[in-house]
Amino acid sequence: MKRALSYMMIGALTSSAMWLFFQNREDITRQFNRAMKENKRFFNKFKAMF
């Protein structure tokens, strides 16, 4: 179950990253770094629940 959830998260991350990349390529690094920060925060909350 945990593995499936992590696969789903990875899939969502990659698809959203691809979408961001095709939206505007010069902004990609800034957007990606912000997304990674948000995801780290989310994962810390998620880990704290278990």
N, C-alpha and C. Protein backbone atom coordinates (compact mmCIF):
# COMPACT_ATOMS: atom_id res chain seq x y z
N MET A 1 0.83 -1.20 0.00
CA MET A 1 0.00 0.00 0.00
C MET A 1 0.87 1.26 0.00
N LYS A 2 1.86 1.27 0.88
CA LYS A 2 2.73 2.45 0.94
C LYS A 2 3.48 2.63 -0.38
N ARG A 3 3.91 1.50 -0.96
CA ARG A 3 4.65 1.57 -2.21
C ARG A 3 3.76 2.14 -3.32
N ALA A 4 2.51 1.69 -3.37
CA ALA A 4 1.59 2.19 -4.39
C ALA A 4 1.39 3.69 -4.23
N LEU A 5 1.27 4.13 -2.98
CA LEU A 5 1.07 5.56 -2.73
C LEU A 5 2.28 6.36 -3.20
N SER A 6 3.47 5.85 -2.92
CA SER A 6 4.67 6.57 -3.35
C SER A 6 4.77 6.59 -4.87
N TYR A 7 4.39 5.49 -5.53
CA TYR A 7 4.39 5.48 -6.99
C TYR A 7 3.41 6.52 -7.53
N MET A 8 2.24 6.63 -6.90
CA MET A 8 1.26 7.61 -7.34
C MET A 8 1.81 9.02 -7.17
N MET A 9 2.48 9.28 -6.04
CA MET A 9 3.05 10.59 -5.80
C MET A 9 4.11 10.92 -6.85
N ILE A 10 4.97 9.93 -7.15
CA ILE A 10 6.02 10.14 -8.15
C ILE A 10 5.39 10.43 -9.51
N GLY A 11 4.35 9.68 -9.86
CA GLY A 11 3.67 9.90 -11.13
C GLY A 11 3.07 11.30 -11.21
N ALA A 12 2.43 11.73 -10.13
CA ALA A 12 1.83 13.06 -10.11
C ALA A 12 2.90 14.13 -10.23
N LEU A 13 4.01 13.94 -9.52
CA LEU A 13 5.10 14.91 -9.57
C LEU A 13 5.67 15.03 -10.97
N THR A 14 5.93 13.88 -11.62
CA THR A 14 6.53 13.93 -12.94
C THR A 14 5.58 14.55 -13.95
N SER A 15 4.29 14.19 -13.88
CA SER A 15 3.34 14.74 -14.84
C SER A 15 3.19 16.25 -14.65
N SER A 16 3.13 16.71 -13.40
CA SER A 16 3.00 18.15 -13.16
C SER A 16 4.28 18.87 -13.58
N ALA A 17 5.42 18.24 -13.36
CA ALA A 17 6.68 18.86 -13.78
C ALA A 17 6.74 18.98 -15.30
N MET A 18 6.29 17.94 -16.01
CA MET A 18 6.26 18.00 -17.47
C MET A 18 5.32 19.11 -17.93
N TRP A 19 4.16 19.23 -17.29
CA TRP A 19 3.19 20.26 -17.66
C TRP A 19 3.79 21.65 -17.46
N LEU A 20 4.45 21.84 -16.29
CA LEU A 20 5.08 23.13 -16.01
C LEU A 20 6.16 23.41 -17.05
N PHE A 21 6.92 22.37 -17.40
CA PHE A 21 8.01 22.55 -18.36
C PHE A 21 7.48 23.02 -19.70
N PHE A 22 6.38 22.44 -20.16
CA PHE A 22 5.85 22.83 -21.46
C PHE A 22 5.09 24.15 -21.39
N GLN A 23 4.65 24.55 -20.21
CA GLN A 23 3.98 25.84 -20.08
C GLN A 23 4.98 26.97 -20.34
N ASN A 24 6.06 26.99 -19.60
CA ASN A 24 7.05 28.06 -19.79
C ASN A 24 8.42 27.54 -19.37
N ARG A 25 9.30 27.45 -20.34
CA ARG A 25 10.58 26.78 -20.09
C ARG A 25 11.58 27.64 -19.32
N GLU A 26 11.52 28.93 -19.46
CA GLU A 26 12.49 29.76 -18.74
C GLU A 26 12.18 29.83 -17.25
N ASP A 27 10.90 29.61 -16.91
CA ASP A 27 10.49 29.66 -15.51
C ASP A 27 10.69 28.33 -14.80
N ILE A 28 11.09 27.29 -15.54
CA ILE A 28 11.00 25.92 -15.03
C ILE A 28 11.76 25.71 -13.74
N THR A 29 12.97 26.22 -13.63
CA THR A 29 13.77 25.93 -12.44
C THR A 29 13.14 26.55 -11.20
N ARG A 30 12.68 27.80 -11.33
CA ARG A 30 12.06 28.47 -10.19
C ARG A 30 10.81 27.73 -9.75
N GLN A 31 9.96 27.40 -10.72
CA GLN A 31 8.73 26.67 -10.41
C GLN A 31 9.04 25.33 -9.76
N PHE A 32 10.02 24.63 -10.33
CA PHE A 32 10.34 23.28 -9.84
C PHE A 32 10.87 23.35 -8.42
N ASN A 33 11.75 24.32 -8.15
CA ASN A 33 12.29 24.44 -6.80
C ASN A 33 11.19 24.76 -5.80
N ARG A 34 10.26 25.63 -6.18
CA ARG A 34 9.16 25.96 -5.29
C ARG A 34 8.30 24.72 -5.04
N ALA A 35 8.04 23.96 -6.10
CA ALA A 35 7.23 22.74 -5.96
C ALA A 35 7.93 21.74 -5.05
N MET A 36 9.25 21.61 -5.19
CA MET A 36 9.98 20.66 -4.35
C MET A 36 9.92 21.09 -2.89
N LYS A 37 10.02 22.39 -2.63
CA LYS A 37 9.91 22.88 -1.25
C LYS A 37 8.55 22.54 -0.69
N GLU A 38 7.50 22.79 -1.47
CA GLU A 38 6.14 22.48 -1.02
C GLU A 38 6.00 20.99 -0.73
N ASN A 39 6.57 20.16 -1.62
CA ASN A 39 6.45 18.72 -1.45
C ASN A 39 7.21 18.25 -0.22
N LYS A 40 8.36 18.85 0.06
CA LYS A 40 9.11 18.48 1.26
C LYS A 40 8.27 18.79 2.50
N ARG A 41 7.65 19.95 2.50
CA ARG A 41 6.81 20.33 3.63
C ARG A 41 5.67 19.33 3.78
N PHE A 42 5.05 18.99 2.65
CA PHE A 42 3.93 18.05 2.66
C PHE A 42 4.38 16.68 3.15
N PHE A 43 5.54 16.22 2.68
CA PHE A 43 6.03 14.90 3.09
C PHE A 43 6.36 14.88 4.58
N ASN A 44 6.87 15.98 5.10
CA ASN A 44 7.16 16.02 6.54
C ASN A 44 5.87 15.91 7.34
N LYS A 45 4.83 16.61 6.90
CA LYS A 45 3.52 16.50 7.56
C LYS A 45 3.02 15.07 7.46
N PHE A 46 3.19 14.49 6.27
CA PHE A 46 2.70 13.14 5.99
C PHE A 46 3.41 12.12 6.88
N LYS A 47 4.74 12.28 7.01
CA LYS A 47 5.52 11.38 7.85
C LYS A 47 5.12 11.53 9.31
N ALA A 48 4.83 12.75 9.71
CA ALA A 48 4.47 13.00 11.11
C ALA A 48 3.17 12.29 11.48
N MET A 49 2.30 12.06 10.50
CA MET A 49 1.04 11.39 10.80
C MET A 49 1.24 9.92 11.14
N PHE A 50 2.32 9.30 10.65
CA PHE A 50 2.51 7.87 10.86
C PHE A 50 3.46 7.55 12.01
